[in-house]
N, C-alpha and C. Protein backbone atom coordinates (compact mmCIF):
# COMPACT_ATOMS: atom_id res chain seq x y z
N MET A 1 112.55 -141.84 28.85
CA MET A 1 111.64 -142.30 30.07
C MET A 1 110.46 -142.78 29.55
N LYS A 2 110.00 -144.03 29.95
CA LYS A 2 108.75 -144.56 29.77
C LYS A 2 107.81 -144.15 30.71
N ILE A 3 106.65 -143.74 30.26
CA ILE A 3 105.50 -143.18 31.06
C ILE A 3 104.19 -143.97 30.95
N ALA A 4 103.56 -144.57 31.91
CA ALA A 4 102.35 -145.24 31.91
C ALA A 4 101.27 -144.32 32.54
N LEU A 5 100.29 -144.15 31.73
CA LEU A 5 99.12 -143.36 32.13
C LEU A 5 97.88 -144.25 32.53
N ILE A 6 97.45 -144.39 33.56
CA ILE A 6 96.44 -145.51 33.80
C ILE A 6 95.15 -144.61 34.38
N SER A 7 94.11 -144.94 33.51
CA SER A 7 92.81 -144.33 33.89
C SER A 7 92.10 -145.41 34.66
N THR A 8 91.70 -145.28 36.02
CA THR A 8 91.27 -146.17 36.75
C THR A 8 89.77 -146.16 37.03
N SER A 9 89.13 -145.52 36.09
CA SER A 9 87.74 -145.52 36.15
C SER A 9 86.96 -146.54 35.19
N PRO A 10 86.07 -147.48 35.57
CA PRO A 10 85.55 -148.47 34.70
C PRO A 10 84.59 -147.96 33.70
N ARG A 11 84.23 -146.66 34.07
CA ARG A 11 82.98 -146.07 32.96
C ARG A 11 83.55 -145.82 31.59
N LYS A 12 82.69 -146.06 30.65
CA LYS A 12 82.98 -145.95 29.32
C LYS A 12 83.18 -144.28 29.14
N GLU A 13 84.28 -143.98 28.28
CA GLU A 13 84.39 -142.44 28.16
C GLU A 13 84.55 -141.56 29.40
N SER A 14 85.22 -142.10 30.53
CA SER A 14 85.15 -141.42 31.89
C SER A 14 85.81 -140.22 31.81
N SER A 15 85.67 -139.57 32.85
CA SER A 15 86.36 -138.16 33.03
C SER A 15 87.98 -138.44 33.45
N SER A 16 88.05 -139.77 34.09
CA SER A 16 89.35 -140.06 34.34
C SER A 16 90.23 -140.42 33.07
N LEU A 17 89.48 -140.95 32.17
CA LEU A 17 90.27 -141.25 30.72
C LEU A 17 90.37 -139.87 30.09
N LYS A 18 89.54 -138.80 30.10
CA LYS A 18 89.74 -137.47 29.49
C LYS A 18 91.02 -136.93 30.02
N VAL A 19 91.16 -137.00 31.40
CA VAL A 19 92.32 -136.32 31.95
C VAL A 19 93.49 -137.07 31.68
N ALA A 20 93.50 -138.54 31.55
CA ALA A 20 94.64 -139.41 31.13
C ALA A 20 95.07 -138.95 29.57
N ARG A 21 94.00 -138.62 28.78
CA ARG A 21 94.32 -138.32 27.50
C ARG A 21 94.98 -137.06 27.25
N TYR A 22 94.50 -135.94 28.21
CA TYR A 22 95.23 -134.64 28.24
C TYR A 22 96.42 -134.72 28.77
N LEU A 23 96.76 -135.58 29.65
CA LEU A 23 98.19 -135.86 30.16
C LEU A 23 98.96 -136.17 29.03
N GLN A 24 98.48 -137.20 28.12
CA GLN A 24 99.38 -137.68 27.06
C GLN A 24 100.11 -136.52 26.20
N THR A 25 99.32 -135.42 26.22
CA THR A 25 99.66 -134.33 25.41
C THR A 25 100.79 -133.31 26.33
N GLN A 26 101.11 -133.62 27.43
CA GLN A 26 101.90 -132.65 28.23
C GLN A 26 103.21 -133.10 28.59
N PHE A 27 103.79 -134.03 27.84
CA PHE A 27 105.19 -134.35 27.89
C PHE A 27 105.85 -134.18 26.59
N PRO A 28 106.19 -132.96 26.27
CA PRO A 28 106.71 -132.66 24.92
C PRO A 28 107.99 -133.12 24.62
N GLU A 29 108.70 -133.48 25.78
CA GLU A 29 110.27 -133.93 25.58
C GLU A 29 110.19 -135.53 25.34
N SER A 30 108.82 -136.09 25.48
CA SER A 30 108.96 -137.74 25.31
C SER A 30 108.33 -138.01 23.91
N LYS A 31 108.73 -139.17 23.44
CA LYS A 31 108.22 -139.70 22.15
C LYS A 31 106.75 -140.25 22.31
N ALA A 32 106.02 -140.23 21.41
CA ALA A 32 104.71 -140.72 21.65
C ALA A 32 104.79 -142.21 22.01
N GLU A 33 105.57 -143.05 21.54
CA GLU A 33 105.69 -144.39 21.98
C GLU A 33 106.12 -144.63 23.28
N ASP A 34 106.73 -143.70 23.97
CA ASP A 34 107.07 -143.83 25.21
C ASP A 34 105.97 -143.46 26.21
N ILE A 35 104.87 -142.90 25.88
CA ILE A 35 103.76 -142.63 26.74
C ILE A 35 102.48 -143.69 26.35
N GLN A 36 102.31 -144.50 27.31
CA GLN A 36 101.26 -145.56 27.00
C GLN A 36 100.09 -145.29 27.99
N LEU A 37 98.79 -145.42 27.43
CA LEU A 37 97.76 -145.16 28.05
C LEU A 37 96.93 -146.56 28.29
N VAL A 38 96.63 -146.99 29.66
CA VAL A 38 95.76 -148.05 29.81
C VAL A 38 94.40 -147.43 30.59
N ASP A 39 93.23 -148.11 30.05
CA ASP A 39 91.90 -147.69 30.38
C ASP A 39 91.21 -148.68 31.11
N PHE A 40 90.71 -148.49 32.29
CA PHE A 40 90.08 -149.39 33.06
C PHE A 40 88.54 -149.84 32.60
N GLU A 41 88.26 -149.25 31.47
CA GLU A 41 86.79 -149.57 31.01
C GLU A 41 86.64 -151.04 30.69
N GLU A 42 87.70 -151.74 30.25
CA GLU A 42 87.65 -153.17 30.01
C GLU A 42 88.21 -154.11 31.16
N ILE A 43 88.28 -153.52 32.35
CA ILE A 43 89.07 -154.25 33.42
C ILE A 43 88.29 -155.59 33.69
N ASP A 44 88.99 -156.62 33.83
CA ASP A 44 88.59 -158.05 34.17
C ASP A 44 89.33 -158.55 35.28
N ILE A 45 89.83 -157.91 36.03
CA ILE A 45 90.53 -158.47 37.22
C ILE A 45 89.62 -158.99 38.22
N PRO A 46 89.78 -160.34 38.50
CA PRO A 46 88.75 -160.90 39.54
C PRO A 46 88.78 -160.21 40.79
N MET A 47 87.50 -160.14 41.46
CA MET A 47 87.40 -159.55 42.70
C MET A 47 87.91 -160.50 43.88
N VAL A 48 88.53 -159.70 44.65
CA VAL A 48 89.20 -160.57 45.88
C VAL A 48 88.18 -161.59 46.43
N GLY A 49 88.60 -162.72 46.75
CA GLY A 49 87.55 -163.71 47.26
C GLY A 49 87.01 -164.52 46.30
N ARG A 50 86.98 -164.06 45.11
CA ARG A 50 86.33 -164.68 43.91
C ARG A 50 87.24 -165.29 42.88
N GLY A 51 88.66 -165.01 43.04
CA GLY A 51 89.75 -165.45 42.16
C GLY A 51 90.94 -164.47 42.41
N SER A 52 91.98 -164.97 41.69
CA SER A 52 93.26 -164.34 41.62
C SER A 52 93.92 -164.13 40.42
N LEU A 53 94.73 -163.12 40.28
CA LEU A 53 95.55 -163.08 39.15
C LEU A 53 96.70 -164.11 39.00
N ASP A 54 96.72 -164.77 37.95
CA ASP A 54 97.64 -165.67 37.61
C ASP A 54 98.54 -165.21 36.52
N LYS A 55 99.91 -164.90 36.97
CA LYS A 55 100.76 -164.29 36.14
C LYS A 55 100.87 -165.09 34.80
N ASN A 56 100.59 -166.35 34.79
CA ASN A 56 100.89 -167.23 33.57
C ASN A 56 99.57 -167.28 32.76
N GLN A 57 98.51 -166.72 33.28
CA GLN A 57 97.25 -166.91 32.42
C GLN A 57 96.52 -165.60 32.43
N LEU A 58 97.07 -164.53 31.87
CA LEU A 58 96.54 -163.41 31.93
C LEU A 58 95.66 -163.10 30.51
N THR A 59 94.60 -162.32 30.90
CA THR A 59 93.59 -161.95 29.66
C THR A 59 94.54 -160.78 28.90
N PRO A 60 93.96 -160.43 27.67
CA PRO A 60 94.64 -159.20 27.09
C PRO A 60 94.57 -158.17 27.89
N PHE A 61 93.61 -157.73 28.59
CA PHE A 61 93.68 -156.46 29.39
C PHE A 61 94.64 -156.54 30.44
N GLN A 62 94.67 -157.63 31.30
CA GLN A 62 95.60 -157.90 32.26
C GLN A 62 96.98 -157.88 31.89
N GLU A 63 97.20 -158.46 30.74
CA GLU A 63 98.58 -158.34 30.14
C GLU A 63 99.14 -156.87 29.71
N ARG A 64 98.11 -156.23 29.28
CA ARG A 64 98.41 -154.90 28.72
C ARG A 64 98.57 -153.94 29.91
N LEU A 65 97.80 -154.04 31.06
CA LEU A 65 97.97 -153.15 32.19
C LEU A 65 99.31 -153.48 32.79
N LEU A 66 99.59 -154.93 33.14
CA LEU A 66 100.85 -155.29 33.84
C LEU A 66 102.04 -154.94 33.14
N SER A 67 102.09 -155.21 31.71
CA SER A 67 103.28 -154.90 30.81
C SER A 67 103.59 -153.39 30.88
N THR A 68 102.32 -152.51 30.53
CA THR A 68 102.66 -151.01 30.40
C THR A 68 103.24 -150.65 31.91
N TRP A 69 102.56 -151.04 32.80
CA TRP A 69 102.99 -150.61 34.26
C TRP A 69 104.53 -151.15 34.48
N GLY A 70 104.67 -152.30 34.19
CA GLY A 70 105.97 -152.86 34.59
C GLY A 70 107.11 -152.34 33.65
N LYS A 71 106.83 -151.79 32.55
CA LYS A 71 107.98 -151.11 31.61
C LYS A 71 108.33 -149.76 31.99
N ALA A 72 107.12 -149.04 32.67
CA ALA A 72 107.37 -147.68 32.93
C ALA A 72 108.27 -147.25 34.10
N ASP A 73 108.82 -146.15 33.80
CA ASP A 73 109.58 -145.41 34.72
C ASP A 73 108.88 -144.66 35.80
N LEU A 74 107.76 -144.02 34.98
CA LEU A 74 106.91 -143.22 35.83
C LEU A 74 105.56 -143.62 35.54
N VAL A 75 104.72 -143.86 36.59
CA VAL A 75 103.35 -144.39 36.41
C VAL A 75 102.50 -143.37 37.23
N ILE A 76 101.53 -142.87 36.31
CA ILE A 76 100.52 -141.92 36.69
C ILE A 76 99.12 -142.54 36.62
N PHE A 77 98.44 -142.49 37.88
CA PHE A 77 97.09 -143.04 37.88
C PHE A 77 96.14 -141.76 37.96
N THR A 78 95.34 -141.78 37.13
CA THR A 78 94.06 -140.80 37.08
C THR A 78 92.92 -141.63 37.72
N ILE A 79 92.63 -140.98 38.97
CA ILE A 79 91.78 -141.76 40.10
C ILE A 79 90.36 -141.10 40.22
N PRO A 80 89.33 -141.84 39.77
CA PRO A 80 87.96 -141.04 40.07
C PRO A 80 87.51 -140.94 41.42
N GLU A 81 86.92 -139.95 41.76
CA GLU A 81 86.21 -139.84 43.04
C GLU A 81 84.75 -140.13 42.95
N TYR A 82 84.33 -141.14 43.59
CA TYR A 82 82.84 -141.56 43.76
C TYR A 82 82.39 -141.33 45.16
N ASN A 83 81.71 -140.23 45.50
CA ASN A 83 81.15 -140.12 46.89
C ASN A 83 82.20 -139.97 47.96
N TRP A 84 83.32 -139.25 47.55
CA TRP A 84 84.44 -139.11 48.46
C TRP A 84 85.47 -140.13 48.65
N ILE A 85 85.19 -141.17 48.01
CA ILE A 85 86.15 -142.32 47.85
C ILE A 85 86.60 -142.79 46.36
N THR A 86 87.36 -143.62 46.38
CA THR A 86 87.94 -143.99 44.96
C THR A 86 86.96 -145.20 44.40
N SER A 87 87.43 -145.82 43.13
CA SER A 87 86.67 -146.86 42.68
C SER A 87 87.26 -148.14 43.28
N GLY A 88 86.16 -149.07 43.52
CA GLY A 88 86.47 -150.42 43.95
C GLY A 88 87.47 -151.03 43.20
N GLU A 89 87.39 -150.93 41.82
CA GLU A 89 88.25 -151.59 40.84
C GLU A 89 89.71 -151.23 41.01
N LEU A 90 89.98 -149.98 41.40
CA LEU A 90 91.50 -149.66 41.63
C LEU A 90 92.04 -150.37 42.90
N ILE A 91 91.15 -150.25 43.94
CA ILE A 91 91.40 -150.98 45.31
C ILE A 91 91.79 -152.40 45.03
N ASN A 92 90.84 -153.07 44.27
CA ASN A 92 90.88 -154.48 44.17
C ASN A 92 92.12 -154.81 43.15
N ALA A 93 92.33 -154.03 42.01
CA ALA A 93 93.55 -154.35 41.25
C ALA A 93 94.79 -154.19 42.13
N LEU A 94 95.10 -153.05 43.00
CA LEU A 94 96.18 -153.09 43.82
C LEU A 94 96.29 -154.34 44.68
N HIS A 95 95.11 -154.69 45.36
CA HIS A 95 95.20 -156.04 46.16
C HIS A 95 95.65 -157.10 45.41
N GLN A 96 95.25 -157.37 44.13
CA GLN A 96 95.55 -158.43 43.39
C GLN A 96 97.02 -158.36 42.87
N VAL A 97 97.57 -157.38 42.84
CA VAL A 97 99.03 -157.28 42.46
C VAL A 97 100.01 -157.00 43.57
N SER A 98 99.39 -157.33 44.83
CA SER A 98 100.38 -157.11 46.04
C SER A 98 101.14 -158.24 46.42
N GLY A 99 101.05 -159.49 45.81
CA GLY A 99 102.02 -160.57 45.92
C GLY A 99 103.32 -160.63 45.45
N LYS A 100 104.10 -161.42 45.62
CA LYS A 100 105.38 -161.48 45.17
C LYS A 100 105.54 -161.66 43.61
N PRO A 101 104.66 -162.31 43.00
CA PRO A 101 104.84 -162.51 41.51
C PRO A 101 104.76 -161.11 40.82
N PHE A 102 104.20 -160.12 41.55
CA PHE A 102 104.09 -158.94 40.85
C PHE A 102 104.93 -157.70 41.51
N ALA A 103 105.86 -158.12 42.21
CA ALA A 103 106.82 -157.20 42.97
C ALA A 103 107.46 -156.20 42.12
N GLU A 104 107.81 -156.64 40.84
CA GLU A 104 108.50 -155.86 39.97
C GLU A 104 107.60 -154.45 39.68
N LEU A 105 106.40 -154.53 39.77
CA LEU A 105 105.53 -153.29 39.71
C LEU A 105 105.69 -152.18 40.61
N PHE A 106 106.40 -152.65 41.61
CA PHE A 106 106.79 -151.52 42.71
C PHE A 106 108.30 -151.41 42.95
N GLN A 107 108.94 -151.65 41.76
CA GLN A 107 110.48 -151.61 41.98
C GLN A 107 110.87 -150.46 40.97
N ASN A 108 111.65 -149.51 41.58
CA ASN A 108 112.29 -148.45 40.67
C ASN A 108 111.31 -147.64 39.81
N LYS A 109 110.23 -147.25 40.56
CA LYS A 109 109.08 -146.72 39.85
C LYS A 109 108.98 -145.27 40.61
N VAL A 110 108.43 -144.31 39.78
CA VAL A 110 107.93 -143.09 40.30
C VAL A 110 106.47 -143.14 40.17
N PHE A 111 105.66 -142.89 41.10
CA PHE A 111 104.17 -142.82 41.03
C PHE A 111 103.79 -141.33 41.08
N GLY A 112 102.66 -141.07 40.24
CA GLY A 112 101.99 -139.76 40.24
C GLY A 112 100.65 -140.08 40.41
N LEU A 113 99.78 -139.18 41.05
CA LEU A 113 98.45 -139.34 41.40
C LEU A 113 97.56 -138.18 41.02
N VAL A 114 96.53 -138.28 40.28
CA VAL A 114 95.66 -137.46 39.85
C VAL A 114 94.25 -137.88 40.39
N GLY A 115 93.69 -136.89 41.09
CA GLY A 115 92.10 -137.14 41.44
C GLY A 115 91.30 -136.40 40.48
N VAL A 116 90.29 -137.20 40.16
CA VAL A 116 89.38 -136.80 39.08
C VAL A 116 87.91 -136.47 39.74
N SER A 117 87.50 -135.39 39.57
CA SER A 117 86.01 -135.17 39.94
C SER A 117 85.18 -134.20 38.86
N SER A 118 83.85 -134.54 39.01
CA SER A 118 83.02 -133.82 38.15
C SER A 118 82.67 -132.42 38.85
N GLY A 119 82.97 -132.32 40.18
CA GLY A 119 82.68 -131.14 41.01
C GLY A 119 84.06 -130.60 41.35
N ARG A 120 84.15 -130.24 42.64
CA ARG A 120 85.31 -129.79 43.39
C ARG A 120 85.66 -131.10 44.45
N GLY A 121 86.51 -131.73 43.93
CA GLY A 121 87.10 -133.03 44.68
C GLY A 121 88.24 -133.74 43.95
N GLY A 122 88.64 -134.80 44.47
CA GLY A 122 89.55 -135.62 43.83
C GLY A 122 90.93 -135.72 44.85
N ARG A 123 91.00 -134.89 45.92
CA ARG A 123 92.07 -135.14 46.86
C ARG A 123 92.00 -136.52 47.55
N ARG A 124 90.87 -136.69 48.19
CA ARG A 124 90.65 -137.89 48.93
C ARG A 124 91.17 -139.11 48.37
N PRO A 125 90.59 -139.48 47.16
CA PRO A 125 91.15 -140.84 46.54
C PRO A 125 92.72 -140.73 46.44
N CYS A 126 93.25 -139.65 46.21
CA CYS A 126 94.72 -139.58 45.95
C CYS A 126 95.31 -139.91 47.46
N LEU A 127 95.00 -139.31 48.36
CA LEU A 127 95.49 -139.49 49.66
C LEU A 127 95.17 -141.25 50.01
N GLU A 128 94.06 -141.67 49.86
CA GLU A 128 93.90 -143.00 50.12
C GLU A 128 94.78 -143.92 49.30
N ILE A 129 95.04 -143.67 47.98
CA ILE A 129 95.84 -144.55 47.17
C ILE A 129 97.32 -144.12 47.52
N ASN A 130 97.68 -143.12 47.96
CA ASN A 130 99.00 -142.91 48.33
C ASN A 130 99.54 -143.90 49.52
N VAL A 131 98.50 -143.92 50.48
CA VAL A 131 98.72 -144.79 51.77
C VAL A 131 98.86 -146.27 51.28
N VAL A 132 98.01 -146.88 50.30
CA VAL A 132 98.06 -148.08 49.82
C VAL A 132 99.30 -148.32 49.18
N LEU A 133 99.63 -147.46 48.11
CA LEU A 133 100.86 -147.66 47.36
C LEU A 133 102.16 -147.71 48.27
N ASN A 134 102.24 -146.70 49.25
CA ASN A 134 103.47 -146.79 50.04
C ASN A 134 103.51 -148.12 50.95
N LYS A 135 102.22 -148.55 51.45
CA LYS A 135 102.43 -149.91 52.13
C LYS A 135 102.92 -151.03 51.21
N LEU A 136 102.40 -150.96 49.90
CA LEU A 136 102.67 -151.92 48.91
C LEU A 136 104.34 -152.06 48.69
N ILE A 137 104.68 -150.78 48.45
CA ILE A 137 106.18 -150.66 48.20
C ILE A 137 107.12 -151.16 49.32
N SER A 138 106.49 -150.71 50.62
CA SER A 138 107.36 -151.17 51.79
C SER A 138 107.08 -152.72 51.93
N PHE A 139 105.90 -153.25 51.90
CA PHE A 139 105.59 -154.74 52.08
C PHE A 139 106.49 -155.45 51.21
N GLN A 140 106.56 -155.11 49.98
CA GLN A 140 107.26 -155.94 48.99
C GLN A 140 108.85 -155.67 49.13
N ASN A 141 109.29 -154.74 49.95
CA ASN A 141 110.64 -154.40 50.29
C ASN A 141 111.25 -153.90 48.93
N GLN A 142 110.54 -153.09 48.30
CA GLN A 142 110.99 -152.53 46.96
C GLN A 142 111.38 -151.09 46.99
N TYR A 143 111.95 -150.60 46.08
CA TYR A 143 112.34 -149.21 46.11
C TYR A 143 111.77 -148.28 45.07
N SER A 144 110.80 -147.53 45.51
CA SER A 144 110.05 -146.59 44.50
C SER A 144 109.57 -145.42 45.48
N VAL A 145 109.11 -144.42 44.86
CA VAL A 145 108.76 -143.17 45.33
C VAL A 145 107.46 -142.69 44.74
N ILE A 146 106.68 -141.99 45.48
CA ILE A 146 105.41 -141.56 45.14
C ILE A 146 105.44 -139.97 45.20
N SER A 147 105.31 -139.28 44.00
CA SER A 147 105.63 -137.72 43.98
C SER A 147 104.67 -137.31 45.03
N PRO A 148 105.15 -136.29 45.87
CA PRO A 148 104.22 -135.51 46.81
C PRO A 148 103.15 -134.60 46.33
N LYS A 149 103.45 -134.24 44.95
CA LYS A 149 102.43 -133.39 44.46
C LYS A 149 101.39 -134.08 43.88
N ILE A 150 100.05 -133.75 44.15
CA ILE A 150 98.83 -134.48 43.61
C ILE A 150 98.20 -133.28 42.74
N TYR A 151 97.44 -133.71 41.76
CA TYR A 151 96.66 -132.87 41.10
C TYR A 151 95.19 -133.14 41.20
N GLU A 152 94.31 -132.21 41.43
CA GLU A 152 92.88 -132.44 41.68
C GLU A 152 92.27 -131.80 40.40
N SER A 153 91.67 -132.55 39.63
CA SER A 153 91.07 -132.37 38.39
C SER A 153 89.53 -131.83 38.69
N HIS A 154 89.34 -130.73 39.14
CA HIS A 154 88.00 -130.16 39.45
C HIS A 154 87.16 -129.90 38.06
N ASP A 155 85.93 -130.08 38.23
CA ASP A 155 84.89 -129.88 37.03
C ASP A 155 85.45 -130.18 35.82
N THR A 156 85.90 -131.37 35.93
CA THR A 156 86.65 -132.08 34.73
C THR A 156 85.73 -131.83 33.23
N GLY A 157 84.55 -132.16 33.44
CA GLY A 157 83.64 -131.92 32.21
C GLY A 157 83.61 -130.60 31.66
N LYS A 158 83.87 -129.57 32.48
CA LYS A 158 83.88 -128.41 32.00
C LYS A 158 85.18 -127.92 31.41
N ASN A 159 86.22 -128.58 31.88
CA ASN A 159 87.64 -127.97 31.62
C ASN A 159 88.33 -128.91 30.49
N LEU A 160 87.56 -130.25 30.13
CA LEU A 160 88.20 -131.04 29.07
C LEU A 160 86.97 -131.35 28.11
N ASP A 161 87.06 -131.42 26.86
CA ASP A 161 86.16 -132.02 26.08
C ASP A 161 86.20 -133.50 26.10
N GLU A 162 85.24 -134.15 25.23
CA GLU A 162 85.19 -135.53 25.18
C GLU A 162 86.50 -136.29 24.80
N ASN A 163 87.45 -135.57 24.06
CA ASN A 163 88.66 -136.12 23.59
C ASN A 163 89.85 -135.92 24.39
N GLY A 164 89.49 -135.29 25.59
CA GLY A 164 90.52 -134.93 26.42
C GLY A 164 91.37 -133.63 26.08
N LYS A 165 90.68 -132.70 25.29
CA LYS A 165 91.39 -131.49 24.92
C LYS A 165 90.72 -130.50 25.80
N SER A 166 91.70 -129.45 26.02
CA SER A 166 91.22 -128.44 27.10
C SER A 166 90.19 -127.31 26.34
N THR A 167 89.35 -127.02 27.23
CA THR A 167 88.42 -126.15 26.76
C THR A 167 88.85 -124.67 26.91
N GLY A 168 90.03 -124.60 27.43
CA GLY A 168 90.68 -123.18 27.62
C GLY A 168 90.85 -122.48 28.97
N ASN A 169 90.56 -123.17 29.93
CA ASN A 169 90.73 -122.51 31.39
C ASN A 169 92.20 -122.62 31.54
N GLU A 170 92.70 -121.43 31.79
CA GLU A 170 94.15 -121.23 31.97
C GLU A 170 94.55 -121.76 33.38
N ILE A 171 93.73 -121.52 34.27
CA ILE A 171 94.02 -122.13 35.64
C ILE A 171 94.08 -123.72 35.62
N TYR A 172 93.17 -124.31 35.15
CA TYR A 172 93.26 -125.74 34.85
C TYR A 172 94.63 -126.16 34.13
N GLU A 173 94.84 -125.69 32.95
CA GLU A 173 95.95 -126.06 32.17
C GLU A 173 97.20 -125.60 33.10
N LYS A 174 97.37 -124.45 33.84
CA LYS A 174 98.45 -124.34 34.50
C LYS A 174 98.85 -125.42 35.72
N GLY A 175 97.59 -125.72 36.39
CA GLY A 175 97.67 -126.64 37.42
C GLY A 175 98.17 -128.00 36.83
N ILE A 176 97.65 -128.46 35.80
CA ILE A 176 98.29 -129.86 35.35
C ILE A 176 99.80 -129.64 34.84
N ALA A 177 100.06 -128.47 34.24
CA ALA A 177 101.47 -128.25 33.77
C ALA A 177 102.35 -128.23 35.01
N ASP A 178 102.03 -127.69 36.08
CA ASP A 178 102.67 -127.72 37.21
C ASP A 178 103.06 -129.09 37.82
N PHE A 179 101.95 -129.97 37.76
CA PHE A 179 101.93 -131.16 38.18
C PHE A 179 102.76 -131.97 37.51
N VAL A 180 102.67 -131.75 36.18
CA VAL A 180 103.48 -132.68 35.14
C VAL A 180 105.03 -132.27 35.41
N ASN A 181 105.45 -130.97 35.50
CA ASN A 181 106.69 -130.51 35.68
C ASN A 181 107.40 -130.99 36.86
N TYR A 182 106.63 -130.87 38.02
CA TYR A 182 107.16 -131.36 39.33
C TYR A 182 107.23 -132.81 39.33
N THR A 183 106.29 -133.69 38.89
CA THR A 183 106.40 -135.11 38.94
C THR A 183 107.55 -135.54 37.88
N LEU A 184 107.57 -135.03 36.73
CA LEU A 184 108.65 -135.39 35.95
C LEU A 184 110.05 -134.92 36.60
N GLY A 185 110.19 -133.90 37.18
CA GLY A 185 111.25 -133.62 37.92
C GLY A 185 111.66 -134.66 38.89
N ILE A 186 110.74 -135.08 39.68
CA ILE A 186 110.92 -136.15 40.73
C ILE A 186 111.54 -137.32 40.06
N ALA A 187 110.75 -137.84 38.79
CA ALA A 187 111.20 -139.02 38.21
C ALA A 187 112.63 -138.88 37.62
N LYS A 188 112.99 -137.65 36.93
CA LYS A 188 114.22 -137.55 36.53
C LYS A 188 115.30 -137.61 37.57
N LYS A 189 115.14 -137.08 38.69
CA LYS A 189 116.10 -137.22 39.83
C LYS A 189 116.03 -138.59 40.20
N TRP A 190 115.08 -139.31 40.39
CA TRP A 190 114.88 -140.73 40.79
C TRP A 190 115.67 -141.56 39.86
N HIS A 191 115.55 -141.49 38.68
CA HIS A 191 116.25 -142.38 37.64
C HIS A 191 117.64 -141.73 37.15
N GLY A 192 118.09 -140.68 37.67
CA GLY A 192 119.43 -140.07 37.46
C GLY A 192 119.51 -139.38 35.97
N ILE A 193 118.35 -138.98 35.55
CA ILE A 193 118.28 -138.41 34.21
C ILE A 193 118.54 -136.86 34.36
N GLN A 194 119.41 -136.34 33.56
CA GLN A 194 119.54 -134.89 33.52
C GLN A 194 118.69 -134.07 32.47
């Protein structure tokens, strides 16, 4: 199974990237080459009203994002929470891929959502993106599913170091393990994998 981990914070060495790096280590049955990570640090998707994505003229970042997402069976977004909402970059990216040229991004996928906070938060951005993703799947008349289990990465800077390694909080580790097991179970059922 191909897994895309998409860290959706544009900040350099963000907490969302730390969580995505930690998640890379949580799929022991998967080969390393089947788990790809894309970081929004270099995002260059034009803002709505100022330009559009052209599938035939993609930048290296756009090509990597769309290729990784398109090839994945399971797409997990690590979503930052900024003042109780998510980043404009993620909302803009979803808007820019909402047209027919990008419909395959919403076909036969399982999506997983992880909200990332430096304090006690992360739920609200996941709920917002859940609504947007469901609308895009439906609008595109595609067949995909969003795992109902979300994970809220609380106190991320205390629980993960700069490289995305756990600092030893057993509750944090168990929470992510439960999210991964559940979401992977949904993905296996969806894709008919035993």
